[in-house]
């Protein structure tokens, strides 16, 4: 199976970001929230998608 270069790039970015946070997930979260707050890009929140037939998903 060939390696996907996009997946590899995302994985490298994850490792790099976690290293910047000293391996601490709470610190990483705080870093990312600060970046989000200072960014000029809009933050989009969408409601979760519900299954078409919610009663089937619960079973």
PDB file of N, CA and C in Angstrom:
ATOM      1  N   UNK A   1       0.851  -1.179   0.000  1.00  0.00           N
ATOM      2  CA  UNK A   1       0.000   0.000   0.000  1.00  0.00           C
ATOM      3  C   UNK A   1       0.893   1.237   0.000  1.00  0.00           C
ATOM      4  N   UNK A   2       0.621   2.167  -0.893  1.00  0.00           N
ATOM      5  CA  UNK A   2       1.406   3.395  -0.993  1.00  0.00           C
ATOM      6  C   UNK A   2       1.067   4.343   0.149  1.00  0.00           C
ATOM      7  N   UNK A   3       2.061   5.101   0.543  1.00  0.00           N
ATOM      8  CA  UNK A   3       1.835   6.098   1.583  1.00  0.00           C
ATOM      9  C   UNK A   3       1.211   7.345   0.969  1.00  0.00           C
ATOM     10  N   UNK A   4       0.267   7.892   1.677  1.00  0.00           N
ATOM     11  CA  UNK A   4      -0.414   9.103   1.230  1.00  0.00           C
ATOM     12  C   UNK A   4       0.379  10.306   1.744  1.00  0.00           C
ATOM     13  N   UNK A   5       0.892  11.158   0.855  1.00  0.00           N
ATOM     14  CA  UNK A   5       1.714  12.281   1.307  1.00  0.00           C
ATOM     15  C   UNK A   5       0.946  13.279   2.173  1.00  0.00           C
ATOM     16  N   UNK A   6      -0.342  13.417   1.954  1.00  0.00           N
ATOM     17  CA  UNK A   6      -1.137  14.334   2.769  1.00  0.00           C
ATOM     18  C   UNK A   6      -1.273  13.795   4.185  1.00  0.00           C
ATOM     19  N   UNK A   7      -1.540  12.508   4.313  1.00  0.00           N
ATOM     20  CA  UNK A   7      -1.631  11.888   5.638  1.00  0.00           C
ATOM     21  C   UNK A   7      -0.296  12.010   6.360  1.00  0.00           C
ATOM     22  N   UNK A   8       0.790  11.780   5.646  1.00  0.00           N
ATOM     23  CA  UNK A   8       2.122  11.904   6.247  1.00  0.00           C
ATOM     24  C   UNK A   8       2.376  13.330   6.729  1.00  0.00           C
ATOM     25  N   UNK A   9       1.961  14.310   5.950  1.00  0.00           N
ATOM     26  CA  UNK A   9       2.148  15.715   6.334  1.00  0.00           C
ATOM     27  C   UNK A   9       1.358  16.044   7.596  1.00  0.00           C
ATOM     28  N   UNK A  10       0.118  15.570   7.669  1.00  0.00           N
ATOM     29  CA  UNK A  10      -0.720  15.815   8.844  1.00  0.00           C
ATOM     30  C   UNK A  10      -0.107  15.151  10.076  1.00  0.00           C
ATOM     31  N   UNK A  11       0.389  13.948   9.919  1.00  0.00           N
ATOM     32  CA  UNK A  11       1.011  13.248  11.049  1.00  0.00           C
ATOM     33  C   UNK A  11       2.266  13.965  11.521  1.00  0.00           C
ATOM     34  N   UNK A  12       3.076  14.471  10.583  1.00  0.00           N
ATOM     35  CA  UNK A  12       4.275  15.235  10.964  1.00  0.00           C
ATOM     36  C   UNK A  12       3.885  16.505  11.712  1.00  0.00           C
ATOM     37  N   UNK A  13       2.851  17.180  11.233  1.00  0.00           N
ATOM     38  CA  UNK A  13       2.383  18.403  11.885  1.00  0.00           C
ATOM     39  C   UNK A  13       1.919  18.103  13.304  1.00  0.00           C
ATOM     40  N   UNK A  14       1.220  16.989  13.477  1.00  0.00           N
ATOM     41  CA  UNK A  14       0.754  16.603  14.811  1.00  0.00           C
ATOM     42  C   UNK A  14       1.928  16.382  15.751  1.00  0.00           C
ATOM     43  N   UNK A  15       2.918  15.655  15.287  1.00  0.00           N
ATOM     44  CA  UNK A  15       4.101  15.379  16.105  1.00  0.00           C
ATOM     45  C   UNK A  15       4.821  16.680  16.446  1.00  0.00           C
ATOM     46  N   UNK A  16       4.968  17.570  15.467  1.00  0.00           N
ATOM     47  CA  UNK A  16       5.659  18.841  15.692  1.00  0.00           C
ATOM     48  C   UNK A  16       4.915  19.716  16.698  1.00  0.00           C
ATOM     49  N   UNK A  17       3.600  19.814  16.557  1.00  0.00           N
ATOM     50  CA  UNK A  17       2.812  20.625  17.486  1.00  0.00           C
ATOM     51  C   UNK A  17       2.878  20.070  18.901  1.00  0.00           C
ATOM     52  N   UNK A  18       2.787  18.769  19.034  1.00  0.00           N
ATOM     53  CA  UNK A  18       2.857  18.168  20.358  1.00  0.00           C
ATOM     54  C   UNK A  18       4.236  18.373  20.973  1.00  0.00           C
ATOM     55  N   UNK A  19       5.279  18.332  20.154  1.00  0.00           N
ATOM     56  CA  UNK A  19       6.631  18.587  20.650  1.00  0.00           C
ATOM     57  C   UNK A  19       6.754  20.028  21.137  1.00  0.00           C
ATOM     58  N   UNK A  20       6.143  20.974  20.426  1.00  0.00           N
ATOM     59  CA  UNK A  20       6.169  22.376  20.855  1.00  0.00           C
ATOM     60  C   UNK A  20       5.497  22.552  22.212  1.00  0.00           C
ATOM     61  N   UNK A  21       4.521  21.702  22.499  1.00  0.00           N
ATOM     62  CA  UNK A  21       3.804  21.764  23.771  1.00  0.00           C
ATOM     63  C   UNK A  21       4.479  20.916  24.837  1.00  0.00           C
ATOM     64  N   UNK A  22       5.650  20.399  24.542  1.00  0.00           N
ATOM     65  CA  UNK A  22       6.371  19.589  25.520  1.00  0.00           C
ATOM     66  C   UNK A  22       5.696  18.258  25.798  1.00  0.00           C
ATOM     67  N   UNK A  23       4.887  17.780  24.850  1.00  0.00           N
ATOM     68  CA  UNK A  23       4.206  16.502  25.025  1.00  0.00           C
ATOM     69  C   UNK A  23       2.984  16.581  25.927  1.00  0.00           C
ATOM     70  N   UNK A  24       2.602  17.782  26.328  1.00  0.00           N
ATOM     71  CA  UNK A  24       1.483  17.991  27.249  1.00  0.00           C
ATOM     72  C   UNK A  24       0.232  18.360  26.444  1.00  0.00           C
ATOM     73  N   UNK A  25      -0.775  17.481  26.451  1.00  0.00           N
ATOM     74  CA  UNK A  25      -1.984  17.722  25.664  1.00  0.00           C
ATOM     75  C   UNK A  25      -2.756  18.941  26.150  1.00  0.00           C
ATOM     76  N   UNK A  26      -2.775  19.175  27.459  1.00  0.00           N
ATOM     77  CA  UNK A  26      -3.465  20.362  27.970  1.00  0.00           C
ATOM     78  C   UNK A  26      -2.781  21.635  27.472  1.00  0.00           C
ATOM     79  N   UNK A  27      -1.470  21.631  27.472  1.00  0.00           N
ATOM     80  CA  UNK A  27      -0.721  22.788  26.974  1.00  0.00           C
ATOM     81  C   UNK A  27      -0.951  22.964  25.472  1.00  0.00           C
ATOM     82  N   UNK A  28      -0.988  21.870  24.729  1.00  0.00           N
ATOM     83  CA  UNK A  28      -1.267  21.933  23.293  1.00  0.00           C
ATOM     84  C   UNK A  28      -2.643  22.546  23.050  1.00  0.00           C
ATOM     85  N   UNK A  29      -3.630  22.118  23.816  1.00  0.00           N
ATOM     86  CA  UNK A  29      -4.980  22.667  23.680  1.00  0.00           C
ATOM     87  C   UNK A  29      -4.968  24.170  23.933  1.00  0.00           C
ATOM     88  N   UNK A  30      -4.274  24.599  24.999  1.00  0.00           N
ATOM     89  CA  UNK A  30      -4.190  26.026  25.307  1.00  0.00           C
ATOM     90  C   UNK A  30      -3.496  26.800  24.184  1.00  0.00           C
ATOM     91  N   UNK A  31      -2.436  26.222  23.629  1.00  0.00           N
ATOM     92  CA  UNK A  31      -1.727  26.868  22.518  1.00  0.00           C
ATOM     93  C   UNK A  31      -2.647  27.039  21.311  1.00  0.00           C
ATOM     94  N   UNK A  32      -3.401  26.002  20.994  1.00  0.00           N
ATOM     95  CA  UNK A  32      -4.282  26.053  19.826  1.00  0.00           C
ATOM     96  C   UNK A  32      -5.448  27.018  20.042  1.00  0.00           C
ATOM     97  N   UNK A  33      -5.982  27.076  21.257  1.00  0.00           N
ATOM     98  CA  UNK A  33      -7.057  28.020  21.558  1.00  0.00           C
ATOM     99  C   UNK A  33      -6.548  29.456  21.452  1.00  0.00           C
ATOM    100  N   UNK A  34      -5.310  29.705  21.897  1.00  0.00           N
ATOM    101  CA  UNK A  34      -4.729  31.039  21.785  1.00  0.00           C
ATOM    102  C   UNK A  34      -4.533  31.403  20.312  1.00  0.00           C
ATOM    103  N   UNK A  35      -4.052  30.462  19.533  1.00  0.00           N
ATOM    104  CA  UNK A  35      -3.875  30.693  18.099  1.00  0.00           C
ATOM    105  C   UNK A  35      -5.215  30.999  17.436  1.00  0.00           C
ATOM    106  N   UNK A  36      -6.235  30.257  17.823  1.00  0.00           N
ATOM    107  CA  UNK A  36      -7.572  30.478  17.283  1.00  0.00           C
ATOM    108  C   UNK A  36      -8.066  31.883  17.629  1.00  0.00           C
ATOM    109  N   UNK A  37      -7.821  32.320  18.868  1.00  0.00           N
ATOM    110  CA  UNK A  37      -8.302  33.622  19.325  1.00  0.00           C
ATOM    111  C   UNK A  37      -7.596  34.779  18.628  1.00  0.00           C
ATOM    112  N   UNK A  38      -6.345  34.593  18.247  1.00  0.00           N
ATOM    113  CA  UNK A  38      -5.580  35.677  17.636  1.00  0.00           C
ATOM    114  C   UNK A  38      -5.584  35.619  16.111  1.00  0.00           C
ATOM    115  N   UNK A  39      -6.195  34.609  15.555  1.00  0.00           N
ATOM    116  CA  UNK A  39      -6.222  34.442  14.102  1.00  0.00           C
ATOM    117  C   UNK A  39      -7.275  35.346  13.472  1.00  0.00           C
ATOM    118  N   UNK A  40      -7.005  35.785  12.261  1.00  0.00           N
ATOM    119  CA  UNK A  40      -7.988  36.569  11.512  1.00  0.00           C
ATOM    120  C   UNK A  40      -9.002  35.682  10.801  1.00  0.00           C
ATOM    121  N   UNK A  41      -8.778  34.389  10.841  1.00  0.00           N
ATOM    122  CA  UNK A  41      -9.692  33.467  10.161  1.00  0.00           C
ATOM    123  C   UNK A  41     -10.938  33.229  11.017  1.00  0.00           C
ATOM    124  N   UNK A  42     -12.098  33.138  10.385  1.00  0.00           N
ATOM    125  CA  UNK A  42     -13.311  32.887  11.164  1.00  0.00           C
ATOM    126  C   UNK A  42     -13.338  31.447  11.689  1.00  0.00           C
ATOM    127  N   UNK A  43     -13.914  31.290  12.862  1.00  0.00           N
ATOM    128  CA  UNK A  43     -14.094  29.964  13.448  1.00  0.00           C
ATOM    129  C   UNK A  43     -15.527  29.541  13.159  1.00  0.00           C
ATOM    130  N   UNK A  44     -15.680  28.376  12.578  1.00  0.00           N
ATOM    131  CA  UNK A  44     -17.001  27.891  12.192  1.00  0.00           C
ATOM    132  C   UNK A  44     -17.381  26.730  13.097  1.00  0.00           C
ATOM    133  N   UNK A  45     -18.525  26.845  13.738  1.00  0.00           N
ATOM    134  CA  UNK A  45     -19.059  25.753  14.554  1.00  0.00           C
ATOM    135  C   UNK A  45     -20.352  25.289  13.911  1.00  0.00           C
ATOM    136  N   UNK A  46     -20.452  24.004  13.738  1.00  0.00           N
ATOM    137  CA  UNK A  46     -21.649  23.446  13.120  1.00  0.00           C
ATOM    138  C   UNK A  46     -22.261  22.433  14.070  1.00  0.00           C
ATOM    139  N   UNK A  47     -23.589  22.314  14.033  1.00  0.00           N
ATOM    140  CA  UNK A  47     -24.217  21.307  14.885  1.00  0.00           C
ATOM    141  C   UNK A  47     -23.823  19.907  14.418  1.00  0.00           C
ATOM    142  N   UNK A  48     -23.798  18.952  15.334  1.00  0.00           N
ATOM    143  CA  UNK A  48     -23.446  17.585  14.930  1.00  0.00           C
ATOM    144  C   UNK A  48     -24.487  17.018  13.976  1.00  0.00           C
ATOM    145  N   UNK A  49     -24.029  16.162  13.095  1.00  0.00           N
ATOM    146  CA  UNK A  49     -24.946  15.499  12.168  1.00  0.00           C
ATOM    147  C   UNK A  49     -25.604  14.329  12.884  1.00  0.00           C
ATOM    148  N   UNK A  50     -26.888  14.238  12.750  1.00  0.00           N
ATOM    149  CA  UNK A  50     -27.632  13.132  13.345  1.00  0.00           C
ATOM    150  C   UNK A  50     -27.880  12.082  12.270  1.00  0.00           C
ATOM    151  N   UNK A  51     -27.902  10.831  12.659  1.00  0.00           N
ATOM    152  CA  UNK A  51     -28.233   9.777  11.686  1.00  0.00           C
ATOM    153  C   UNK A  51     -29.630  10.021  11.122  1.00  0.00           C
ATOM    154  N   UNK A  52     -29.844   9.578   9.888  1.00  0.00           N
ATOM    155  CA  UNK A  52     -31.147   9.779   9.258  1.00  0.00           C
ATOM    156  C   UNK A  52     -32.264   9.137  10.063  1.00  0.00           C
ATOM    157  N   UNK A  53     -32.006   7.953  10.588  1.00  0.00           N
ATOM    158  CA  UNK A  53     -32.999   7.268  11.400  1.00  0.00           C
ATOM    159  C   UNK A  53     -32.382   7.041  12.773  1.00  0.00           C
ATOM    160  N   UNK A  54     -32.615   7.962  13.693  1.00  0.00           N
ATOM    161  CA  UNK A  54     -31.972   7.931  15.006  1.00  0.00           C
ATOM    162  C   UNK A  54     -32.317   6.669  15.786  1.00  0.00           C
ATOM    163  N   UNK A  55     -33.494   6.095  15.583  1.00  0.00           N
ATOM    164  CA  UNK A  55     -33.860   4.889  16.329  1.00  0.00           C
ATOM    165  C   UNK A  55     -33.010   3.697  15.897  1.00  0.00           C
ATOM    166  N   UNK A  56     -32.596   3.643  14.625  1.00  0.00           N
ATOM    167  CA  UNK A  56     -31.726   2.564  14.155  1.00  0.00           C
ATOM    168  C   UNK A  56     -30.326   2.699  14.734  1.00  0.00           C
ATOM    169  N   UNK A  57     -29.848   3.922  14.912  1.00  0.00           N
ATOM    170  CA  UNK A  57     -28.497   4.154  15.412  1.00  0.00           C
ATOM    171  C   UNK A  57     -28.383   3.759  16.879  1.00  0.00           C
ATOM    172  N   UNK A  58     -29.471   3.868  17.637  1.00  0.00           N
ATOM    173  CA  UNK A  58     -29.434   3.544  19.062  1.00  0.00           C
ATOM    174  C   UNK A  58     -29.407   2.041  19.297  1.00  0.00           C
ATOM    175  N   UNK A  59     -29.852   1.266  18.350  1.00  0.00           N
ATOM    176  CA  UNK A  59     -29.935  -0.188  18.522  1.00  0.00           C
ATOM    177  C   UNK A  59     -28.616  -0.871  18.342  1.00  0.00           C
TER     178      UNK A  59
END
